[in-house]
Amino acid sequence: MSNPTDMSTKFYQSGPEENPKAAAMTGTTTISVPKKSRTGKNPDQVVHNQGEDVKKTRKNAAQVAPTSVGIEETGQTTVEAAEAVSKSAAKDQAHATNGAERGVARKAKKNQAAVAPEKLSEAEAKQLTQFEEAISEVAKDAQEGFGKTAEAFYQIQTKRLYREHGTFTAYFKTRFGYSRAHANRFAQAGEVMEKMSPRGDILKKLDSESHFRPLTALLKEPEKLEQIFDLLEAWDAWTDSDILPATMVHAAKIFITPPTEAKDPDGRKNEIQEAVTALIEDEEAKAKADPREEVAGEVMKTCQRLREQVKSLATRRTTKIEWTEKTWNTVQGCKWKSPACDFCYAAKAAATRLADMYPGIAMKKKDGTYVFCGKILLLAERLGDPLFNRTPTKYFVNSMADLFHQDVPEDFISAVFDVMEKAPWHIFQVLTKRVDRMAEFTKKRYRDSEPPQHIWMGATMENQKCFDERMPLLKQVKAAVRWLSCEPLLGPITLTDTDAIDWVVVGGESNGKRKMEKAWATDLRDQCAKSKIAFYFKQWGDFSEDGDPQRGKKEKNATLDGEIHHDYPE
């Protein structure tokens, strides 16, 4: 008998019962294809032959090509074809049934052997009762309740007090309704508590399964557990809470067991980016050869805009700050330092939409502006964030604060640098107005080594006065890349010590009242070009290139003299 896929078939949108004579006369097998449901998927097809319905399995349905084909001579009758399909379906069904029955039988046999009851001694039964009472007891506070529960689970498991129910899993399922995984997690948390009992002060601040889940994976590596608890004790000094955030435990674990390399970025997206970029390059080559200078210039500008749009599509950006890709905020809070702070976006955010999360760090003044109050919050639970991300990323470090504020402990700054050094696949863009402390810190940290290439150290310089004060200090910063943030640009700046500058970012003020003159921006651009410094023009801000008010207008890929300037240090 020939293969069923060779048989002559004919598809009808309606069932064969609507045209039985045609099916009988042609001797074909008619496959009913019901109309698509709302989900867009066809129900299982049904083979009809001479009034008999044979249900097909998905495997056999795949054997009959689901496309319309012509009638061919195959030497196989319709009955033979249907019988072949029917026998194959029956065989598949028998295999499936037998396999399922055998699996059930094996599982039943295994469970029967595993749950054989075993009588507890009187002393063991008494112990079990005590532990059951501990699990059922409503704790006065969450930490004490979780600790008692975890300890009880661990002791029941270790002492095998579940034996009358056969297995540990059966006991907790029957007695308390816990799944196997849930019961095991509680028992493992109890084991961590027993091993780390000398660290009682920190254990008291871990009150949930979420705290212990990252720790249980290291039960067979006690040295790393000790290191994590050392870290938690150090970080606890920076918090003001009776309970540590569970995210801090996760951060401590990845700090001790960091990934060693980056993950390959999305290859498919990069392939598309490269293909589109190649097309743009072709158009640019044609434009360069075009004798019509005006037309060629417009084409080149259009191609530049397209290049930036393609880059944006391939960038995993989670912030509106165009020159970076993500922000990493381990500190909240700051204090006024210089005129650039007058209309601080971070102070406004902290006093409004983030006020519930970080109360008391910023306020609204009588004149309608916002200002930080000087309170500093250290968010140690966020220290590990870049280590969880293995895709190469540009991070703006502390967009909502100044890492080198005088009230940020040096140990905390060191912890931030520890993380940055553990993730060389990222680029970290550090920015401060307190350049003196940055210089002091980096000279001390990299006294006997070269500073990492992926950590860029920058200073805000909004006018000539700030530049003259901060540039001599920035020269002293030990860094592979030094950069200036001239945003908001509040006046003209004449650059000096250009050999110590690798990157300049320029932008006008948003949500303020101060206009950036076009001449200030173009002059900085020209100075950077002359000194071969990478130049990034971010935005015009509240006033357009022509000086017209445009407050609230969203800018993306802003142009300066019709060109986009998005250069980075090499």
Protein backbone atom coordinates (compact mmCIF):
# COMPACT_ATOMS: atom_id res chain seq x y z
CA MET A 1 0.00 0.00 0.00
CA SER A 2 1.36 3.40 -0.88
CA ASN A 3 1.97 6.19 1.60
CA PRO A 4 -1.19 8.04 2.69
CA THR A 5 0.44 11.34 1.77
CA ASP A 6 0.34 10.20 -1.90
CA MET A 7 -3.40 9.62 -1.96
CA SER A 8 -5.63 11.86 -4.00
CA THR A 9 -7.23 14.50 -1.80
CA LYS A 10 -9.60 17.36 -2.28
CA PHE A 11 -10.42 20.09 0.26
CA TYR A 12 -13.80 21.73 0.71
CA GLN A 13 -14.61 24.69 2.93
CA SER A 14 -17.96 22.98 3.62
CA GLY A 15 -18.32 19.38 4.73
CA PRO A 16 -18.63 16.51 2.23
CA GLU A 17 -22.19 15.94 3.32
CA GLU A 18 -23.05 18.99 1.20
CA ASN A 19 -21.70 17.30 -1.96
CA PRO A 20 -21.67 13.51 -1.37
CA LYS A 21 -22.17 12.64 -5.03
CA ALA A 22 -19.09 14.52 -6.10
CA ALA A 23 -17.02 12.65 -3.53
CA ALA A 24 -18.39 9.27 -4.63
CA MET A 25 -17.92 9.98 -8.36
CA THR A 26 -14.33 11.15 -8.08
CA GLY A 27 -13.29 8.45 -5.67
CA THR A 28 -11.38 11.01 -3.67
CA THR A 29 -10.98 11.40 0.06
CA THR A 30 -12.65 14.61 1.15
CA ILE A 31 -11.18 16.39 4.15
CA SER A 32 -13.49 18.80 5.89
CA VAL A 33 -11.76 22.01 6.95
CA PRO A 34 -14.10 23.88 9.29
CA LYS A 35 -14.05 27.64 9.15
CA LYS A 36 -11.45 29.33 11.35
CA SER A 37 -12.47 30.12 14.86
CA ARG A 38 -11.99 33.55 16.42
CA THR A 39 -8.51 32.51 17.48
CA GLY A 40 -7.58 31.98 13.84
CA LYS A 41 -6.83 28.28 14.37
CA ASN A 42 -8.56 25.40 12.59
CA PRO A 43 -10.04 22.62 14.71
CA ASP A 44 -8.74 19.10 14.12
CA GLN A 45 -9.57 17.88 10.63
CA VAL A 46 -11.90 14.93 10.16
CA VAL A 47 -11.46 12.38 7.39
CA HIS A 48 -14.70 11.27 5.74
CA ASN A 49 -14.97 8.21 3.52
CA GLN A 50 -18.25 6.62 2.42
CA GLY A 51 -20.16 7.96 5.42
CA GLU A 52 -17.53 6.89 8.01
CA ASP A 53 -15.75 9.48 10.23
CA VAL A 54 -12.25 8.70 11.36
CA LYS A 55 -10.62 11.02 13.89
CA LYS A 56 -7.03 11.71 13.11
CA THR A 57 -4.26 12.50 15.54
CA ARG A 58 -2.11 15.59 14.97
CA LYS A 59 0.67 13.36 13.71
CA ASN A 60 -1.49 11.87 10.95
CA ALA A 61 -2.99 15.23 10.14
CA ALA A 62 0.52 16.46 9.41
CA GLN A 63 1.04 13.53 7.04
CA VAL A 64 -1.76 14.78 4.80
CA ALA A 65 -0.45 17.97 3.24
CA PRO A 66 -2.84 20.78 4.31
CA THR A 67 -2.91 22.47 0.92
CA SER A 68 -5.17 22.07 -2.10
CA VAL A 69 -3.79 19.50 -4.58
CA GLY A 70 -4.93 18.13 -7.92
CA ILE A 71 -6.34 14.64 -8.51
CA GLU A 72 -3.59 12.23 -9.47
CA GLU A 73 -3.50 8.54 -10.27
CA THR A 74 -1.95 6.84 -7.26
CA GLY A 75 -3.11 3.25 -7.59
CA GLN A 76 -4.69 3.47 -4.14
CA THR A 77 -8.41 3.48 -3.49
CA THR A 78 -10.12 5.87 -1.16
CA VAL A 79 -11.06 3.03 1.18
CA GLU A 80 -7.46 1.81 1.39
CA ALA A 81 -6.23 5.31 2.16
CA ALA A 82 -8.80 5.83 4.88
CA GLU A 83 -8.03 2.43 6.39
CA ALA A 84 -4.33 3.30 6.48
CA VAL A 85 -5.07 6.53 8.31
CA SER A 86 -7.47 4.79 10.66
CA LYS A 87 -5.00 2.00 11.52
CA SER A 88 -2.20 4.48 12.10
CA ALA A 89 -4.42 6.58 14.36
CA ALA A 90 -5.51 3.52 16.31
CA LYS A 91 -1.87 2.44 16.71
CA ASP A 92 -0.88 5.89 17.96
CA GLN A 93 -3.79 5.91 20.38
CA ALA A 94 -2.82 2.49 21.72
CA HIS A 95 0.79 3.59 22.22
CA ALA A 96 -0.35 6.72 24.04
CA THR A 97 -2.77 4.81 26.25
CA ASN A 98 -0.29 2.08 27.09
CA GLY A 99 2.43 4.63 27.82
CA ALA A 100 0.15 6.61 30.10
CA GLU A 101 -0.99 3.45 31.91
CA ARG A 102 2.60 2.32 32.40
CA GLY A 103 3.55 5.76 33.76
CA VAL A 104 0.65 5.73 36.23
CA ALA A 105 1.54 2.23 37.31
CA ARG A 106 5.20 3.13 37.89
CA LYS A 107 4.23 6.23 39.87
CA ALA A 108 1.73 4.31 41.98
CA LYS A 109 4.29 1.60 42.72
CA LYS A 110 6.91 4.19 43.67
CA ASN A 111 4.50 6.09 45.92
CA GLN A 112 3.31 2.88 47.54
CA ALA A 113 6.88 1.95 48.43
CA ALA A 114 7.74 5.47 49.57
CA VAL A 115 4.77 6.12 51.83
CA ALA A 116 4.95 2.94 53.84
CA PRO A 117 4.01 4.12 57.37
CA GLU A 118 6.44 3.73 60.21
CA LYS A 119 5.46 4.05 63.86
CA LEU A 120 7.07 6.92 65.78
CA SER A 121 8.31 6.46 69.31
CA GLU A 122 6.48 8.24 72.10
CA ALA A 123 9.27 10.80 72.40
CA GLU A 124 9.29 11.43 68.63
CA ALA A 125 5.52 11.82 68.55
CA LYS A 126 5.80 14.37 71.34
CA GLN A 127 8.46 16.26 69.38
CA LEU A 128 6.34 16.21 66.26
CA THR A 129 3.40 17.68 68.17
CA GLN A 130 5.57 20.51 69.41
CA PHE A 131 6.82 21.31 65.93
CA GLU A 132 3.29 21.17 64.52
CA GLU A 133 2.18 23.67 67.12
CA ALA A 134 5.08 25.91 66.12
CA ILE A 135 4.05 25.81 62.46
CA SER A 136 0.39 26.48 63.22
CA GLU A 137 1.06 29.23 65.74
CA VAL A 138 0.34 32.74 64.60
CA ALA A 139 3.57 34.61 65.26
CA LYS A 140 3.49 38.01 66.90
CA ASP A 141 5.77 39.37 64.24
CA ALA A 142 6.71 38.14 60.77
CA GLN A 143 10.36 37.43 61.47
CA GLU A 144 9.77 35.34 64.55
CA GLY A 145 6.98 33.43 62.83
CA PHE A 146 9.06 32.68 59.74
CA GLY A 147 12.06 31.68 61.82
CA LYS A 148 10.04 29.24 63.94
CA THR A 149 8.36 27.80 60.85
CA ALA A 150 11.61 27.29 58.96
CA GLU A 151 13.29 25.74 62.00
CA ALA A 152 10.35 23.37 62.52
CA PHE A 153 10.37 22.26 58.88
CA TYR A 154 14.12 21.63 59.02
CA GLN A 155 13.96 19.70 62.29
CA ILE A 156 11.07 17.54 61.09
CA GLN A 157 13.02 16.76 57.94
CA THR A 158 16.34 16.12 59.70
CA LYS A 159 14.89 13.98 62.50
CA ARG A 160 12.59 12.18 60.04
CA LEU A 161 9.55 12.85 62.24
CA TYR A 162 7.29 12.57 59.23
CA ARG A 163 7.64 8.78 59.00
CA GLU A 164 4.08 7.90 60.00
CA HIS A 165 2.99 9.62 56.77
CA GLY A 166 5.60 7.83 54.70
CA THR A 167 7.48 10.78 53.15
CA PHE A 168 8.40 14.33 54.03
CA THR A 169 6.37 15.54 51.05
CA ALA A 170 3.28 13.46 51.94
CA TYR A 171 3.38 14.64 55.55
CA PHE A 172 3.43 18.37 54.77
CA LYS A 173 0.92 18.00 51.98
CA THR A 174 -1.51 16.09 54.18
CA ARG A 175 -0.95 17.98 57.42
CA PHE A 176 -0.52 21.57 56.19
CA GLY A 177 -1.24 21.58 52.46
CA TYR A 178 2.30 22.54 51.43
CA SER A 179 3.68 21.42 48.10
CA ARG A 180 6.95 19.53 47.98
CA ALA A 181 8.87 22.54 46.65
CA HIS A 182 7.42 24.89 49.26
CA ALA A 183 8.16 22.52 52.13
CA ASN A 184 11.72 21.99 50.92
CA ARG A 185 12.33 25.72 50.68
CA PHE A 186 11.22 26.21 54.26
CA ALA A 187 13.43 23.34 55.41
CA GLN A 188 16.42 24.75 53.52
CA ALA A 189 15.84 28.18 55.07
CA GLY A 190 15.90 26.45 58.48
CA GLU A 191 19.19 24.83 57.55
CA VAL A 192 20.70 28.20 56.62
CA MET A 193 19.52 29.60 59.96
CA GLU A 194 21.17 26.76 61.85
CA LYS A 195 24.46 27.08 59.96
CA MET A 196 24.54 30.86 60.34
CA SER A 197 23.17 30.99 63.90
CA PRO A 198 26.23 32.94 65.16
CA ARG A 199 25.07 35.78 62.88
CA GLY A 200 21.92 36.25 64.92
CA ASP A 201 21.74 40.04 64.54
CA ILE A 202 21.51 39.80 60.75
CA LEU A 203 19.29 36.71 60.80
CA LYS A 204 16.72 38.70 62.76
CA LYS A 205 16.49 41.07 59.79
CA LEU A 206 15.66 38.30 57.30
CA ASP A 207 11.99 37.49 57.69
CA SER A 208 10.74 35.78 54.54
CA GLU A 209 11.32 33.02 52.06
CA SER A 210 12.43 35.67 49.56
CA HIS A 211 15.35 36.53 51.83
CA PHE A 212 16.55 32.95 52.05
CA ARG A 213 15.95 31.71 48.53
CA PRO A 214 19.26 33.07 47.13
CA LEU A 215 21.11 31.68 50.17
CA THR A 216 19.86 28.09 50.02
CA ALA A 217 21.64 27.57 46.70
CA LEU A 218 24.93 28.01 48.57
CA LEU A 219 24.34 25.51 51.38
CA LYS A 220 27.13 23.36 49.96
CA GLU A 221 29.46 26.38 49.77
CA PRO A 222 29.68 27.59 53.40
CA GLU A 223 32.59 29.94 52.67
CA LYS A 224 30.47 31.94 50.23
CA LEU A 225 27.60 31.98 52.71
CA GLU A 226 29.95 33.48 55.27
CA GLN A 227 31.09 36.10 52.76
CA ILE A 228 27.50 37.06 51.99
CA PHE A 229 26.73 37.52 55.66
CA ASP A 230 29.91 39.59 56.08
CA LEU A 231 28.67 41.81 53.27
CA LEU A 232 25.15 42.05 54.71
CA GLU A 233 26.57 43.12 58.05
CA ALA A 234 28.61 45.85 56.33
CA TRP A 235 25.69 47.04 54.22
CA ASP A 236 23.35 46.98 57.21
CA ALA A 237 25.31 49.92 58.61
CA TRP A 238 23.96 52.03 55.71
CA THR A 239 20.30 51.18 56.29
CA ASP A 240 17.83 52.39 58.85
CA SER A 241 15.44 49.47 58.94
CA ASP A 242 14.60 46.58 61.24
CA ILE A 243 14.20 44.32 58.20
CA LEU A 244 16.66 44.23 55.30
CA PRO A 245 15.13 44.38 51.80
CA ALA A 246 15.11 40.93 50.18
CA THR A 247 16.72 42.53 47.13
CA MET A 248 19.76 43.31 49.29
CA VAL A 249 20.34 39.58 49.85
CA HIS A 250 20.12 38.97 46.10
CA ALA A 251 22.56 41.86 45.54
CA ALA A 252 24.99 40.45 48.11
CA LYS A 253 24.88 37.02 46.49
CA ILE A 254 25.63 38.26 42.98
CA PHE A 255 28.31 40.52 44.43
CA ILE A 256 30.05 37.43 45.88
CA THR A 257 29.28 35.19 42.88
CA PRO A 258 29.28 37.60 39.91
CA PRO A 259 29.05 36.54 36.25
CA THR A 260 32.41 36.43 34.52
CA GLU A 261 31.46 37.62 31.07
CA ALA A 262 28.82 39.45 29.08
CA LYS A 263 25.97 37.82 27.26
CA ASP A 264 25.93 38.17 23.49
CA PRO A 265 23.51 40.94 22.50
CA ASP A 266 20.51 40.26 20.30
CA GLY A 267 22.22 38.97 17.16
CA ARG A 268 19.12 39.21 15.00
CA LYS A 269 18.58 42.86 15.86
CA ASN A 270 22.24 43.60 15.13
CA GLU A 271 22.00 41.87 11.75
CA ILE A 272 19.05 44.06 10.81
CA GLN A 273 20.88 47.16 12.04
CA GLU A 274 23.93 46.28 9.96
CA ALA A 275 21.82 45.63 6.87
CA VAL A 276 19.98 48.95 7.14
CA THR A 277 23.24 50.78 7.88
CA ALA A 278 24.76 49.29 4.73
CA LEU A 279 21.86 50.70 2.68
CA ILE A 280 22.37 54.11 4.28
CA GLU A 281 26.08 53.96 3.46
CA ASP A 282 25.25 53.22 -0.17
CA GLU A 283 23.08 56.33 -0.34
CA GLU A 284 25.79 58.40 1.33
CA ALA A 285 28.32 57.23 -1.27
CA LYS A 286 25.95 58.24 -4.06
CA ALA A 287 25.42 61.63 -2.44
CA LYS A 288 29.15 62.27 -2.22
CA ALA A 289 29.44 61.62 -5.95
CA ASP A 290 26.51 63.89 -6.78
CA PRO A 291 27.74 67.20 -8.30
CA ARG A 292 24.67 69.01 -6.95
CA GLU A 293 26.07 70.20 -3.62
CA GLU A 294 22.77 71.39 -2.15
CA VAL A 295 20.98 68.11 -2.94
CA ALA A 296 23.92 66.05 -1.73
CA GLY A 297 24.01 68.00 1.55
CA GLU A 298 20.33 67.33 2.24
CA VAL A 299 20.77 63.64 1.45
CA MET A 300 23.72 63.42 3.85
CA LYS A 301 21.73 65.08 6.64
CA THR A 302 18.82 62.71 6.06
CA CYS A 303 21.17 59.73 6.13
CA GLN A 304 22.63 60.96 9.42
CA ARG A 305 19.17 61.17 10.99
CA LEU A 306 18.39 57.67 9.74
CA ARG A 307 21.62 56.38 11.27
CA GLU A 308 20.63 57.75 14.68
CA GLN A 309 17.15 56.26 14.40
CA VAL A 310 18.62 52.85 13.55
CA LYS A 311 20.93 53.11 16.58
CA SER A 312 17.96 53.99 18.79
CA LEU A 313 16.03 50.94 17.60
CA ALA A 314 18.96 48.68 18.47
CA THR A 315 19.55 50.29 21.88
CA ARG A 316 17.89 48.97 25.02
CA ARG A 317 17.35 52.42 26.54
CA THR A 318 15.22 52.76 29.68
CA THR A 319 15.84 56.46 30.30
CA LYS A 320 15.11 59.68 28.45
CA ILE A 321 18.73 60.78 28.87
CA GLU A 322 19.92 60.18 25.32
CA TRP A 323 23.64 59.90 25.96
CA THR A 324 23.18 56.89 28.22
CA GLU A 325 21.05 53.72 28.19
CA LYS A 326 20.16 53.02 31.82
CA THR A 327 20.44 54.83 35.13
CA TRP A 328 21.81 53.15 38.25
CA ASN A 329 20.72 54.96 41.38
CA THR A 330 22.31 53.70 44.59
CA VAL A 331 21.94 57.08 46.31
CA GLN A 332 18.95 59.38 46.74
CA GLY A 333 19.23 62.96 47.93
CA CYS A 334 21.61 65.85 47.41
CA LYS A 335 22.16 69.54 48.20
CA TRP A 336 22.48 72.73 46.15
CA LYS A 337 26.04 73.21 44.88
CA SER A 338 26.07 75.69 41.98
CA PRO A 339 23.73 77.56 39.55
CA ALA A 340 23.09 74.38 37.51
CA CYS A 341 21.09 73.14 40.52
CA ASP A 342 18.53 75.97 40.43
CA PHE A 343 15.95 74.01 38.41
CA CYS A 344 17.10 70.49 39.30
CA TYR A 345 14.98 67.78 37.62
CA ALA A 346 16.02 65.25 40.28
CA ALA A 347 14.83 67.46 43.16
CA LYS A 348 11.48 67.95 41.43
CA ALA A 349 11.05 64.21 40.88
CA ALA A 350 12.00 63.45 44.50
CA ALA A 351 9.51 66.01 45.82
CA THR A 352 6.63 64.88 43.58
CA ARG A 353 6.29 61.46 41.97
CA LEU A 354 8.94 59.81 44.19
CA ALA A 355 7.91 61.53 47.43
CA ASP A 356 6.18 58.44 48.82
CA MET A 357 9.24 56.28 48.17
CA TYR A 358 11.81 58.74 49.53
CA PRO A 359 10.00 61.13 51.91
CA GLY A 360 11.77 64.17 53.22
CA ILE A 361 14.68 64.40 50.78
CA ALA A 362 13.32 67.26 48.64
CA MET A 363 10.73 70.00 48.87
CA LYS A 364 8.94 72.66 46.85
CA LYS A 365 9.95 76.25 47.61
CA LYS A 366 7.63 79.28 47.72
CA ASP A 367 8.84 80.43 44.32
CA GLY A 368 7.66 77.14 42.76
CA THR A 369 11.12 75.62 42.31
CA TYR A 370 12.28 72.42 43.98
CA VAL A 371 15.31 71.84 46.15
CA PHE A 372 16.98 68.95 47.94
CA CYS A 373 16.96 69.16 51.73
CA GLY A 374 20.40 67.62 52.27
CA LYS A 375 19.12 64.23 53.48
CA ILE A 376 20.99 61.31 51.92
CA LEU A 377 19.60 57.79 51.50
CA LEU A 378 21.92 54.89 50.63
CA LEU A 379 20.21 52.13 48.64
CA ALA A 380 22.53 49.18 49.16
CA GLU A 381 19.90 46.81 47.77
CA ARG A 382 20.56 48.31 44.32
CA LEU A 383 24.30 47.73 44.36
CA GLY A 384 24.07 44.48 42.43
CA ASP A 385 21.82 45.74 39.60
CA PRO A 386 24.49 46.00 36.86
CA LEU A 387 25.74 42.49 37.66
CA PHE A 388 22.32 41.02 36.94
CA ASN A 389 22.49 42.59 33.47
CA ARG A 390 24.94 40.75 31.23
CA THR A 391 24.11 42.72 28.10
CA PRO A 392 26.69 45.49 27.48
CA THR A 393 25.05 48.75 28.57
CA LYS A 394 25.93 52.39 29.21
CA TYR A 395 25.01 53.24 32.82
CA PHE A 396 24.64 56.77 34.17
CA VAL A 397 25.69 56.32 37.80
CA ASN A 398 23.33 58.14 40.21
CA SER A 399 21.26 60.36 37.97
CA MET A 400 19.25 61.39 41.07
CA ALA A 401 22.16 62.26 43.36
CA ASP A 402 25.88 62.93 43.59
CA LEU A 403 27.96 59.87 44.51
CA PHE A 404 30.69 62.14 45.90
CA HIS A 405 28.40 64.15 48.20
CA GLN A 406 30.16 64.71 51.51
CA ASP A 407 27.58 62.63 53.41
CA VAL A 408 28.05 59.51 51.27
CA PRO A 409 30.48 57.25 53.21
CA GLU A 410 33.70 56.35 51.45
CA ASP A 411 32.99 52.67 52.09
CA PHE A 412 29.79 53.01 50.11
CA ILE A 413 31.58 54.74 47.23
CA SER A 414 34.11 51.88 47.29
CA ALA A 415 31.26 49.36 47.09
CA VAL A 416 29.91 51.13 43.98
CA PHE A 417 33.36 50.99 42.39
CA ASP A 418 33.69 47.32 43.37
CA VAL A 419 30.56 46.56 41.37
CA MET A 420 31.69 48.62 38.38
CA GLU A 421 35.02 46.82 38.32
CA LYS A 422 33.24 43.44 38.43
CA ALA A 423 31.26 44.32 35.26
CA PRO A 424 33.81 45.39 32.61
CA TRP A 425 31.32 44.68 29.80
CA HIS A 426 29.37 47.83 30.75
CA ILE A 427 30.35 51.50 30.47
CA PHE A 428 29.76 53.52 33.66
CA GLN A 429 29.32 57.28 33.32
CA VAL A 430 30.01 58.91 36.70
CA LEU A 431 29.18 62.61 37.08
CA THR A 432 29.76 65.00 40.00
CA LYS A 433 29.92 68.65 41.01
CA ARG A 434 32.19 67.70 43.92
CA VAL A 435 35.27 67.08 41.81
CA ASP A 436 37.70 67.54 44.69
CA ARG A 437 36.41 64.42 46.42
CA MET A 438 36.35 62.46 43.16
CA ALA A 439 39.99 63.33 42.57
CA GLU A 440 40.98 62.37 46.12
CA PHE A 441 39.11 59.07 45.94
CA THR A 442 40.44 57.95 42.54
CA LYS A 443 44.04 58.82 43.37
CA LYS A 444 43.75 56.67 46.47
CA ARG A 445 41.92 53.77 44.83
CA TYR A 446 44.16 53.54 41.77
CA ARG A 447 47.41 54.47 43.48
CA ASP A 448 49.09 51.25 42.35
CA SER A 449 47.07 50.40 39.24
CA GLU A 450 45.68 51.86 36.05
CA PRO A 451 42.06 53.05 36.17
CA PRO A 452 39.57 50.86 34.27
CA GLN A 453 38.79 51.87 30.68
CA HIS A 454 35.05 51.37 31.13
CA ILE A 455 34.60 53.84 34.02
CA TRP A 456 34.23 57.40 32.74
CA MET A 457 34.67 60.19 35.30
CA GLY A 458 32.94 63.49 34.59
CA ALA A 459 32.13 66.89 36.09
CA THR A 460 29.28 69.34 35.54
CA MET A 461 30.53 72.68 34.17
CA GLU A 462 27.69 75.02 33.34
CA ASN A 463 29.63 78.27 32.80
CA GLN A 464 33.15 79.64 32.68
CA LYS A 465 33.35 80.20 36.45
CA CYS A 466 32.52 76.55 37.21
CA PHE A 467 34.89 75.39 34.49
CA ASP A 468 37.75 77.43 35.90
CA GLU A 469 37.10 76.04 39.38
CA ARG A 470 36.55 72.40 38.49
CA MET A 471 38.80 71.73 35.51
CA PRO A 472 42.05 71.85 37.53
CA LEU A 473 40.50 69.28 39.88
CA LEU A 474 39.23 67.09 37.04
CA LYS A 475 42.78 66.96 35.70
CA GLN A 476 43.77 65.34 38.99
CA VAL A 477 41.10 62.63 38.72
CA LYS A 478 42.75 59.33 37.88
CA ALA A 479 40.56 58.05 35.06
CA ALA A 480 40.84 56.51 31.61
CA VAL A 481 38.11 58.82 30.31
CA ARG A 482 37.33 62.33 31.63
CA TRP A 483 34.29 64.19 30.44
CA LEU A 484 32.34 67.42 30.89
CA SER A 485 28.59 67.83 31.20
CA CYS A 486 27.84 71.38 30.05
CA GLU A 487 24.14 70.96 30.73
CA PRO A 488 22.46 73.20 31.41
CA LEU A 489 24.86 75.44 29.51
CA LEU A 490 24.40 78.84 31.18
CA GLY A 491 27.16 80.80 29.49
CA PRO A 492 30.06 80.60 27.08
CA ILE A 493 33.00 78.39 28.01
CA THR A 494 36.54 78.59 26.70
CA LEU A 495 38.17 75.19 27.09
CA THR A 496 41.64 74.80 28.49
CA ASP A 497 43.65 71.66 29.31
CA THR A 498 41.99 70.00 26.35
CA ASP A 499 44.44 67.10 26.50
CA ALA A 500 42.69 66.08 29.74
CA ILE A 501 39.18 66.12 28.19
CA ASP A 502 37.83 63.13 26.24
CA TRP A 503 34.14 63.98 25.89
CA VAL A 504 31.87 67.04 26.12
CA VAL A 505 28.07 66.86 26.44
CA VAL A 506 26.12 70.08 25.75
CA GLY A 507 22.45 70.84 26.34
CA GLY A 508 20.01 73.63 27.16
CA GLU A 509 17.94 73.78 30.33
CA SER A 510 14.53 72.11 30.54
CA ASN A 511 11.73 73.39 32.77
CA GLY A 512 13.71 76.47 33.74
CA LYS A 513 13.86 80.06 32.58
CA ARG A 514 17.40 80.36 31.25
CA LYS A 515 18.11 80.30 27.54
CA MET A 516 21.16 78.69 25.99
CA GLU A 517 22.49 80.90 23.24
CA LYS A 518 23.27 79.12 20.01
CA ALA A 519 26.72 80.73 19.85
CA TRP A 520 27.71 79.07 23.15
CA ALA A 521 26.91 75.62 21.78
CA THR A 522 28.51 76.12 18.36
CA ASP A 523 31.64 77.54 19.95
CA LEU A 524 32.05 74.47 22.16
CA ARG A 525 31.43 72.25 19.14
CA ASP A 526 34.16 74.02 17.18
CA GLN A 527 36.61 73.90 20.09
CA CYS A 528 36.00 70.15 20.45
CA ALA A 529 36.51 69.60 16.72
CA LYS A 530 39.77 71.54 16.81
CA SER A 531 41.09 69.57 19.80
CA LYS A 532 39.67 66.23 18.57
CA ILE A 533 37.36 65.86 21.58
CA ALA A 534 34.18 63.78 21.18
CA PHE A 535 31.17 66.14 21.16
CA TYR A 536 27.58 65.24 22.03
CA PHE A 537 24.78 67.77 21.52
CA LYS A 538 21.77 66.64 23.56
CA GLN A 539 19.03 69.26 23.38
CA TRP A 540 18.05 72.92 23.08
CA GLY A 541 15.79 72.83 26.14
CA ASP A 542 13.13 75.46 26.73
CA PHE A 543 14.24 77.61 23.78
CA SER A 544 14.69 76.53 20.17
CA GLU A 545 17.76 77.00 18.01
CA ASP A 546 16.23 80.27 16.83
CA GLY A 547 15.67 81.41 20.41
CA ASP A 548 11.90 80.88 20.43
CA PRO A 549 10.24 79.47 23.58
CA GLN A 550 9.44 75.76 23.30
CA ARG A 551 8.99 74.70 26.90
CA GLY A 552 7.61 71.20 27.22
CA LYS A 553 8.59 70.17 23.70
CA LYS A 554 10.16 66.73 23.55
CA GLU A 555 13.45 66.66 21.70
CA LYS A 556 15.06 63.60 20.20
CA ASN A 557 18.11 63.65 17.97
CA ALA A 558 18.31 67.44 18.26
CA THR A 559 20.39 69.15 15.58
CA LEU A 560 22.92 71.94 15.76
CA ASP A 561 23.22 73.80 12.46
CA GLY A 562 21.21 71.00 10.89
CA GLU A 563 23.52 68.21 12.08
CA ILE A 564 23.23 65.61 14.81
CA HIS A 565 26.28 65.38 17.05
CA HIS A 566 26.28 62.10 18.99
CA ASP A 567 29.96 61.30 19.34
CA TYR A 568 31.48 59.18 22.11
CA PRO A 569 35.08 58.71 23.27
CA GLU A 570 36.91 55.97 21.40
